[in-house]
N, C-alpha and C. Protein backbone atom coordinates (compact mmCIF):
# COMPACT_ATOMS: atom_id res chain seq x y z
N MET A 1 -17.09 6.19 9.42
CA MET A 1 -15.68 6.49 9.20
C MET A 1 -15.57 7.70 8.30
N ALA A 2 -14.50 8.45 8.50
CA ALA A 2 -14.23 9.64 7.70
C ALA A 2 -12.84 9.52 7.07
N ILE A 3 -12.73 9.94 5.81
CA ILE A 3 -11.44 9.94 5.12
C ILE A 3 -10.58 11.06 5.68
N LEU A 4 -9.32 10.75 5.95
CA LEU A 4 -8.42 11.74 6.56
C LEU A 4 -7.82 12.67 5.51
N PRO A 5 -7.78 13.97 5.80
CA PRO A 5 -7.16 14.94 4.90
C PRO A 5 -5.64 14.97 5.12
N ALA A 6 -4.96 15.67 4.24
CA ALA A 6 -3.49 15.75 4.26
C ALA A 6 -2.95 16.14 5.63
N GLN A 7 -3.51 17.17 6.26
CA GLN A 7 -2.96 17.65 7.52
C GLN A 7 -3.06 16.61 8.63
N THR A 8 -4.10 15.77 8.62
CA THR A 8 -4.22 14.72 9.64
C THR A 8 -3.24 13.59 9.35
N ILE A 9 -3.10 13.22 8.08
CA ILE A 9 -2.12 12.19 7.71
C ILE A 9 -0.72 12.66 8.10
N ARG A 10 -0.41 13.91 7.83
CA ARG A 10 0.89 14.47 8.21
C ARG A 10 1.09 14.40 9.73
N ALA A 11 0.05 14.69 10.49
CA ALA A 11 0.15 14.70 11.96
C ALA A 11 0.38 13.30 12.53
N ILE A 12 -0.29 12.29 11.98
CA ILE A 12 -0.15 10.94 12.55
C ILE A 12 1.01 10.16 11.94
N ARG A 13 1.48 10.57 10.74
CA ARG A 13 2.62 9.94 10.06
C ARG A 13 2.61 8.41 10.16
N PRO A 14 1.62 7.78 9.52
CA PRO A 14 1.53 6.32 9.58
C PRO A 14 2.48 5.60 8.62
N ILE A 15 3.31 6.37 7.90
CA ILE A 15 4.21 5.83 6.87
C ILE A 15 5.61 6.39 7.09
N TYR A 16 6.62 5.52 6.90
CA TYR A 16 8.01 5.95 6.96
C TYR A 16 8.76 5.35 5.79
N PRO A 17 9.57 6.06 5.05
CA PRO A 17 9.79 7.48 5.19
C PRO A 17 8.58 8.28 4.71
N PHE A 18 8.27 9.34 5.42
CA PHE A 18 7.15 10.21 5.07
C PHE A 18 7.66 11.28 4.13
N VAL A 19 6.99 11.46 2.99
CA VAL A 19 7.41 12.41 1.97
C VAL A 19 6.24 13.34 1.65
N GLU A 20 6.50 14.63 1.67
CA GLU A 20 5.50 15.56 1.15
C GLU A 20 5.39 15.28 -0.35
N ARG A 21 4.51 15.90 -1.03
CA ARG A 21 4.30 15.65 -2.46
C ARG A 21 5.61 15.76 -3.22
N SER A 22 5.90 14.77 -4.09
CA SER A 22 7.11 14.77 -4.88
C SER A 22 6.80 14.11 -6.22
N VAL A 23 7.80 14.04 -7.11
CA VAL A 23 7.59 13.48 -8.44
C VAL A 23 8.75 12.56 -8.80
N PHE A 24 8.42 11.41 -9.40
CA PHE A 24 9.40 10.46 -9.92
C PHE A 24 9.03 10.19 -11.37
N GLU A 25 9.88 10.56 -12.29
CA GLU A 25 9.67 10.34 -13.72
C GLU A 25 8.26 10.74 -14.17
N GLY A 26 7.84 11.92 -13.75
CA GLY A 26 6.56 12.46 -14.18
C GLY A 26 5.35 11.97 -13.42
N ARG A 27 5.54 11.15 -12.39
CA ARG A 27 4.42 10.64 -11.59
C ARG A 27 4.57 11.11 -10.15
N SER A 28 3.46 11.54 -9.58
CA SER A 28 3.50 12.05 -8.21
C SER A 28 3.47 10.91 -7.19
N TYR A 29 4.09 11.18 -6.04
CA TYR A 29 4.02 10.26 -4.90
C TYR A 29 4.12 11.08 -3.62
N GLY A 30 3.88 10.42 -2.51
CA GLY A 30 3.89 11.10 -1.22
C GLY A 30 2.50 11.59 -0.87
N LEU A 31 2.46 12.57 0.00
CA LEU A 31 1.20 13.08 0.54
C LEU A 31 0.37 13.78 -0.53
N SER A 32 -0.92 13.46 -0.58
CA SER A 32 -1.86 14.15 -1.46
C SER A 32 -2.94 14.79 -0.60
N SER A 33 -3.94 15.37 -1.21
CA SER A 33 -4.97 16.08 -0.46
C SER A 33 -5.74 15.18 0.50
N ALA A 34 -5.92 13.92 0.14
CA ALA A 34 -6.68 12.99 0.99
C ALA A 34 -6.13 11.57 0.86
N GLY A 35 -4.82 11.43 0.86
CA GLY A 35 -4.21 10.11 0.75
C GLY A 35 -2.70 10.21 0.66
N TYR A 36 -2.10 9.08 0.34
CA TYR A 36 -0.64 9.01 0.23
C TYR A 36 -0.31 8.01 -0.86
N ASP A 37 0.48 8.43 -1.84
CA ASP A 37 0.88 7.56 -2.95
C ASP A 37 2.21 6.91 -2.61
N VAL A 38 2.23 5.57 -2.61
CA VAL A 38 3.43 4.80 -2.26
C VAL A 38 4.17 4.34 -3.50
N ARG A 39 5.44 3.95 -3.30
CA ARG A 39 6.32 3.56 -4.40
C ARG A 39 6.70 2.09 -4.30
N ILE A 40 6.98 1.50 -5.45
CA ILE A 40 7.40 0.11 -5.52
C ILE A 40 8.88 0.01 -5.14
N ALA A 41 9.24 -1.03 -4.41
CA ALA A 41 10.61 -1.16 -3.89
C ALA A 41 11.57 -1.86 -4.83
N GLN A 42 11.07 -2.61 -5.80
CA GLN A 42 11.96 -3.37 -6.67
C GLN A 42 11.60 -3.20 -8.14
N ASP A 43 12.60 -3.41 -9.01
CA ASP A 43 12.32 -3.47 -10.45
C ASP A 43 11.56 -4.76 -10.72
N ILE A 44 10.48 -4.68 -11.49
CA ILE A 44 9.77 -5.90 -11.88
C ILE A 44 9.30 -5.80 -13.33
N TRP A 45 9.10 -6.95 -13.92
CA TRP A 45 8.42 -7.07 -15.21
C TRP A 45 7.03 -7.61 -14.93
N LEU A 46 6.02 -6.97 -15.51
CA LEU A 46 4.65 -7.49 -15.45
C LEU A 46 4.34 -8.06 -16.82
N TRP A 47 4.05 -9.34 -16.85
CA TRP A 47 3.75 -10.03 -18.11
C TRP A 47 2.25 -9.96 -18.38
N PRO A 48 1.85 -10.02 -19.64
CA PRO A 48 0.43 -9.89 -19.99
C PRO A 48 -0.45 -10.89 -19.24
N PHE A 49 -1.48 -10.37 -18.61
CA PHE A 49 -2.53 -11.17 -17.97
C PHE A 49 -1.99 -12.07 -16.85
N TRP A 50 -0.87 -11.69 -16.25
CA TRP A 50 -0.29 -12.44 -15.13
C TRP A 50 -0.21 -11.53 -13.92
N GLY A 51 -0.21 -12.14 -12.75
CA GLY A 51 -0.04 -11.40 -11.52
C GLY A 51 1.38 -11.51 -11.01
N ARG A 52 1.76 -10.54 -10.20
CA ARG A 52 3.12 -10.52 -9.65
C ARG A 52 3.07 -9.83 -8.30
N LEU A 53 3.83 -10.34 -7.34
CA LEU A 53 3.94 -9.68 -6.05
C LEU A 53 5.08 -8.67 -6.07
N ALA A 54 4.88 -7.57 -5.39
CA ALA A 54 5.90 -6.55 -5.21
C ALA A 54 5.69 -5.96 -3.82
N SER A 55 6.57 -5.07 -3.42
CA SER A 55 6.39 -4.44 -2.11
C SER A 55 6.66 -2.95 -2.20
N THR A 56 6.31 -2.26 -1.14
CA THR A 56 6.49 -0.82 -1.09
C THR A 56 7.83 -0.46 -0.46
N ILE A 57 8.33 0.71 -0.82
CA ILE A 57 9.49 1.29 -0.16
C ILE A 57 9.10 1.67 1.27
N GLU A 58 7.87 2.12 1.41
CA GLU A 58 7.38 2.66 2.68
C GLU A 58 7.00 1.57 3.68
N HIS A 59 7.28 1.84 4.93
CA HIS A 59 6.90 0.98 6.06
C HIS A 59 5.67 1.62 6.71
N PHE A 60 4.72 0.81 7.11
CA PHE A 60 3.47 1.30 7.70
C PHE A 60 3.42 1.00 9.20
N ASP A 61 2.80 1.90 9.94
CA ASP A 61 2.48 1.72 11.35
C ASP A 61 1.11 2.36 11.54
N ILE A 62 0.07 1.55 11.32
CA ILE A 62 -1.31 2.05 11.30
C ILE A 62 -1.83 2.20 12.73
N PRO A 63 -2.26 3.39 13.13
CA PRO A 63 -2.83 3.56 14.47
C PRO A 63 -4.07 2.68 14.66
N THR A 64 -4.42 2.43 15.90
CA THR A 64 -5.55 1.54 16.20
C THR A 64 -6.91 2.18 15.93
N ASP A 65 -6.92 3.47 15.60
CA ASP A 65 -8.19 4.11 15.24
C ASP A 65 -8.23 4.51 13.77
N VAL A 66 -7.36 3.89 12.95
CA VAL A 66 -7.28 4.21 11.52
C VAL A 66 -7.26 2.92 10.71
N LEU A 67 -7.92 2.95 9.57
CA LEU A 67 -7.90 1.86 8.59
C LEU A 67 -7.32 2.43 7.30
N ALA A 68 -6.49 1.67 6.60
CA ALA A 68 -5.88 2.16 5.36
C ALA A 68 -6.34 1.30 4.19
N ARG A 69 -6.88 1.93 3.16
CA ARG A 69 -7.32 1.22 1.96
C ARG A 69 -6.28 1.40 0.86
N VAL A 70 -5.89 0.29 0.25
CA VAL A 70 -4.93 0.30 -0.85
C VAL A 70 -5.73 0.34 -2.15
N CYS A 71 -5.49 1.35 -2.96
CA CYS A 71 -6.25 1.57 -4.19
C CYS A 71 -5.32 1.74 -5.39
N ASP A 72 -5.88 1.54 -6.58
CA ASP A 72 -5.13 1.79 -7.81
C ASP A 72 -4.75 3.26 -7.89
N LYS A 73 -3.64 3.52 -8.52
CA LYS A 73 -3.23 4.89 -8.86
C LYS A 73 -3.67 5.10 -10.30
N SER A 74 -4.40 6.16 -10.59
CA SER A 74 -5.03 6.30 -11.90
C SER A 74 -4.02 6.32 -13.05
N SER A 75 -2.82 6.88 -12.82
CA SER A 75 -1.82 6.89 -13.91
C SER A 75 -1.41 5.48 -14.30
N ASN A 76 -1.42 4.54 -13.35
CA ASN A 76 -1.13 3.14 -13.67
C ASN A 76 -2.35 2.44 -14.26
N ALA A 77 -3.52 2.72 -13.73
CA ALA A 77 -4.74 2.10 -14.25
C ALA A 77 -4.95 2.44 -15.72
N ARG A 78 -4.55 3.63 -16.13
CA ARG A 78 -4.67 4.03 -17.53
C ARG A 78 -3.71 3.28 -18.44
N LYS A 79 -2.75 2.61 -17.82
CA LYS A 79 -1.83 1.73 -18.57
C LYS A 79 -2.20 0.26 -18.34
N PHE A 80 -3.38 0.04 -17.74
CA PHE A 80 -3.90 -1.29 -17.46
C PHE A 80 -2.98 -2.08 -16.53
N ILE A 81 -2.39 -1.36 -15.59
CA ILE A 81 -1.63 -1.97 -14.49
C ILE A 81 -2.51 -1.82 -13.26
N MET A 82 -2.95 -2.94 -12.72
CA MET A 82 -3.90 -2.91 -11.61
C MET A 82 -3.26 -3.42 -10.32
N VAL A 83 -3.61 -2.75 -9.23
CA VAL A 83 -3.25 -3.19 -7.89
C VAL A 83 -4.50 -3.84 -7.31
N GLN A 84 -4.36 -5.04 -6.78
CA GLN A 84 -5.51 -5.67 -6.14
C GLN A 84 -5.79 -4.91 -4.85
N ASN A 85 -6.95 -4.29 -4.78
CA ASN A 85 -7.29 -3.46 -3.64
C ASN A 85 -7.42 -4.30 -2.38
N THR A 86 -6.90 -3.77 -1.29
CA THR A 86 -6.92 -4.48 -0.01
C THR A 86 -6.98 -3.45 1.11
N VAL A 87 -6.91 -3.93 2.33
CA VAL A 87 -7.00 -3.06 3.51
C VAL A 87 -5.83 -3.37 4.44
N ALA A 88 -5.23 -2.32 5.01
CA ALA A 88 -4.29 -2.47 6.12
C ALA A 88 -5.10 -2.14 7.38
N GLU A 89 -5.26 -3.13 8.22
CA GLU A 89 -6.15 -3.00 9.37
C GLU A 89 -5.55 -2.15 10.49
N PRO A 90 -6.41 -1.61 11.37
CA PRO A 90 -5.91 -0.84 12.50
C PRO A 90 -4.90 -1.66 13.32
N GLY A 91 -3.77 -1.04 13.62
CA GLY A 91 -2.73 -1.70 14.41
C GLY A 91 -1.71 -2.47 13.60
N TRP A 92 -1.91 -2.59 12.27
CA TRP A 92 -0.96 -3.35 11.44
C TRP A 92 0.33 -2.56 11.26
N LYS A 93 1.46 -3.30 11.24
CA LYS A 93 2.77 -2.70 11.00
C LYS A 93 3.51 -3.56 10.00
N GLY A 94 4.26 -2.92 9.11
CA GLY A 94 5.11 -3.66 8.19
C GLY A 94 5.19 -3.01 6.82
N PHE A 95 5.91 -3.70 5.94
CA PHE A 95 6.01 -3.28 4.54
C PHE A 95 4.85 -3.93 3.79
N LEU A 96 4.20 -3.18 2.95
CA LEU A 96 3.03 -3.65 2.23
C LEU A 96 3.43 -4.50 1.03
N THR A 97 2.87 -5.71 0.94
CA THR A 97 3.01 -6.52 -0.27
C THR A 97 1.85 -6.19 -1.18
N LEU A 98 2.17 -5.93 -2.44
CA LEU A 98 1.16 -5.57 -3.45
C LEU A 98 1.00 -6.70 -4.44
N GLU A 99 -0.22 -6.91 -4.89
CA GLU A 99 -0.51 -7.88 -5.94
C GLU A 99 -0.83 -7.08 -7.20
N LEU A 100 0.02 -7.21 -8.21
CA LEU A 100 -0.10 -6.41 -9.43
C LEU A 100 -0.47 -7.29 -10.62
N THR A 101 -1.27 -6.75 -11.54
CA THR A 101 -1.68 -7.48 -12.75
C THR A 101 -1.62 -6.53 -13.93
N ARG A 102 -1.23 -7.07 -15.08
CA ARG A 102 -1.16 -6.30 -16.34
C ARG A 102 -2.26 -6.80 -17.26
N PHE A 103 -3.12 -5.90 -17.76
CA PHE A 103 -4.24 -6.28 -18.61
C PHE A 103 -4.09 -5.79 -20.04
N LEU A 104 -2.89 -5.85 -20.59
CA LEU A 104 -2.64 -5.59 -22.00
C LEU A 104 -1.74 -6.70 -22.53
N PRO A 105 -1.73 -6.94 -23.85
CA PRO A 105 -1.02 -8.10 -24.39
C PRO A 105 0.49 -7.94 -24.56
N TRP A 106 1.12 -6.98 -23.90
CA TRP A 106 2.58 -6.89 -23.96
C TRP A 106 3.08 -6.57 -22.55
N PRO A 107 4.31 -6.99 -22.25
CA PRO A 107 4.85 -6.78 -20.90
C PRO A 107 5.23 -5.32 -20.66
N VAL A 108 5.41 -5.01 -19.40
CA VAL A 108 5.86 -3.67 -19.01
C VAL A 108 6.83 -3.82 -17.85
N LYS A 109 7.89 -3.02 -17.89
CA LYS A 109 8.83 -2.99 -16.77
C LYS A 109 8.46 -1.82 -15.86
N ILE A 110 8.43 -2.09 -14.57
CA ILE A 110 8.19 -1.05 -13.57
C ILE A 110 9.47 -0.91 -12.75
N LYS A 111 10.03 0.29 -12.75
CA LYS A 111 11.29 0.54 -12.04
C LYS A 111 11.06 0.76 -10.55
N ALA A 112 12.03 0.32 -9.76
CA ALA A 112 12.01 0.63 -8.32
C ALA A 112 11.89 2.14 -8.16
N GLY A 113 11.05 2.56 -7.22
CA GLY A 113 10.82 3.98 -6.97
C GLY A 113 9.62 4.56 -7.69
N THR A 114 9.03 3.78 -8.61
CA THR A 114 7.85 4.25 -9.35
C THR A 114 6.64 4.31 -8.42
N PRO A 115 5.89 5.40 -8.42
CA PRO A 115 4.64 5.45 -7.67
C PRO A 115 3.70 4.36 -8.18
N ILE A 116 3.12 3.57 -7.26
CA ILE A 116 2.41 2.37 -7.68
C ILE A 116 0.98 2.25 -7.15
N ALA A 117 0.69 2.82 -5.97
CA ALA A 117 -0.65 2.69 -5.39
C ALA A 117 -0.96 3.90 -4.53
N GLN A 118 -2.25 4.12 -4.32
CA GLN A 118 -2.71 5.21 -3.46
C GLN A 118 -3.29 4.60 -2.19
N ILE A 119 -2.93 5.17 -1.06
CA ILE A 119 -3.44 4.71 0.23
C ILE A 119 -4.40 5.78 0.75
N ILE A 120 -5.62 5.36 1.07
CA ILE A 120 -6.63 6.24 1.64
C ILE A 120 -6.80 5.84 3.10
N PHE A 121 -6.68 6.79 4.00
CA PHE A 121 -6.79 6.52 5.43
C PHE A 121 -8.17 6.97 5.92
N GLU A 122 -8.79 6.12 6.73
CA GLU A 122 -10.10 6.43 7.30
C GLU A 122 -10.04 6.30 8.81
N ARG A 123 -10.67 7.24 9.50
CA ARG A 123 -10.68 7.23 10.97
C ARG A 123 -11.88 6.43 11.47
N LEU A 124 -11.63 5.51 12.40
CA LEU A 124 -12.70 4.78 13.07
C LEU A 124 -13.34 5.69 14.12
N GLU A 125 -14.54 5.36 14.55
CA GLU A 125 -15.22 6.17 15.56
C GLU A 125 -14.45 6.19 16.87
N GLU A 126 -13.73 5.12 17.16
CA GLU A 126 -12.88 5.02 18.35
C GLU A 126 -11.83 3.95 18.08
N PRO A 127 -10.74 3.92 18.85
CA PRO A 127 -9.73 2.87 18.63
C PRO A 127 -10.36 1.49 18.80
N THR A 128 -9.96 0.57 17.95
CA THR A 128 -10.50 -0.78 18.05
C THR A 128 -9.96 -1.49 19.28
N GLU A 129 -10.79 -2.34 19.87
CA GLU A 129 -10.31 -3.16 20.99
C GLU A 129 -9.61 -4.42 20.48
N GLN A 130 -9.61 -4.61 19.15
CA GLN A 130 -8.95 -5.77 18.56
C GLN A 130 -7.99 -5.34 17.45
N PRO A 131 -6.87 -4.68 17.78
CA PRO A 131 -5.92 -4.29 16.73
C PRO A 131 -5.35 -5.52 16.05
N TYR A 132 -4.89 -5.34 14.83
CA TYR A 132 -4.37 -6.45 14.04
C TYR A 132 -3.21 -7.14 14.75
N GLU A 133 -3.30 -8.47 14.86
CA GLU A 133 -2.24 -9.28 15.46
C GLU A 133 -2.02 -10.54 14.63
N GLY A 134 -2.41 -10.50 13.37
CA GLY A 134 -2.36 -11.70 12.52
C GLY A 134 -0.99 -12.04 11.99
N ARG A 135 -0.98 -12.97 11.08
CA ARG A 135 0.26 -13.56 10.57
C ARG A 135 1.10 -12.61 9.71
N TYR A 136 0.54 -11.48 9.30
CA TYR A 136 1.31 -10.53 8.50
C TYR A 136 1.77 -9.32 9.33
N GLN A 137 1.61 -9.40 10.66
CA GLN A 137 2.09 -8.32 11.52
C GLN A 137 3.61 -8.24 11.42
N ASN A 138 4.15 -7.03 11.36
CA ASN A 138 5.59 -6.79 11.22
C ASN A 138 6.16 -7.43 9.96
N GLN A 139 5.39 -7.36 8.88
CA GLN A 139 5.80 -7.96 7.61
C GLN A 139 7.14 -7.37 7.15
N ALA A 140 8.03 -8.25 6.72
CA ALA A 140 9.38 -7.85 6.29
C ALA A 140 9.34 -7.11 4.96
N ALA A 141 10.45 -6.44 4.65
CA ALA A 141 10.61 -5.79 3.35
C ALA A 141 10.68 -6.85 2.27
N GLY A 142 10.30 -6.47 1.06
CA GLY A 142 10.29 -7.41 -0.06
C GLY A 142 8.94 -8.08 -0.17
N PRO A 143 8.58 -8.56 -1.37
CA PRO A 143 7.28 -9.20 -1.54
C PRO A 143 7.20 -10.48 -0.71
N GLN A 144 6.13 -10.61 0.04
CA GLN A 144 5.94 -11.77 0.92
C GLN A 144 4.80 -12.63 0.40
N PRO A 145 5.04 -13.93 0.22
CA PRO A 145 3.96 -14.81 -0.24
C PRO A 145 2.92 -15.03 0.86
N ALA A 146 1.81 -15.60 0.47
CA ALA A 146 0.75 -15.92 1.43
C ALA A 146 1.28 -16.90 2.47
N ILE A 147 0.85 -16.72 3.71
CA ILE A 147 1.20 -17.62 4.80
C ILE A 147 -0.07 -18.40 5.13
N PRO A 148 -0.02 -19.74 5.07
CA PRO A 148 -1.23 -20.51 5.40
C PRO A 148 -1.68 -20.22 6.83
N ALA A 149 -2.98 -20.15 7.02
CA ALA A 149 -3.54 -19.90 8.35
C ALA A 149 -3.39 -21.12 9.24
N THR A 150 -3.06 -20.85 10.51
CA THR A 150 -3.06 -21.88 11.55
C THR A 150 -3.79 -21.28 12.74
N LEU A 151 -4.09 -22.10 13.73
CA LEU A 151 -4.75 -21.57 14.92
C LEU A 151 -3.87 -20.56 15.64
N GLU A 152 -2.54 -20.67 15.49
CA GLU A 152 -1.62 -19.78 16.18
C GLU A 152 -1.47 -18.43 15.49
N ASN A 153 -1.70 -18.35 14.17
CA ASN A 153 -1.39 -17.09 13.48
C ASN A 153 -2.60 -16.39 12.88
N VAL A 154 -3.79 -16.86 13.14
CA VAL A 154 -4.98 -16.20 12.60
C VAL A 154 -5.24 -14.94 13.42
N GLY A 155 -5.38 -13.82 12.70
CA GLY A 155 -5.62 -12.55 13.39
C GLY A 155 -7.00 -12.05 13.14
């Protein structure tokens, strides 16, 4: 797999709304040289050493020959705000639910629109014959809790 550069991400536009590089309260978001920084959709408080679900403003439509890795944004990591790293599989569509944790002994408020995570896109050697069809396909806006697996919804 190869990491996709800005021009390829721009060409495939796997995120809507797609934004060229921009700034919100001193933090960058949108397209970067080899990724895309997404924003949080809601105001939240992160309490010390607790986890919280949030979601992105951006909607994803991942092509069947691309995998997207969700990574920490360094400006947040330096404030000990961590995003649990995960993967958006080829063929997945929906709003991304993020799992956030604060690792300092005082709470922090994160405003809606704040850049929160970096997405790195990687190209598969060829489109997968098994695109994502699991229980989180077409995930709705807003933080979504875990859905228990059943034989009908396992992807």
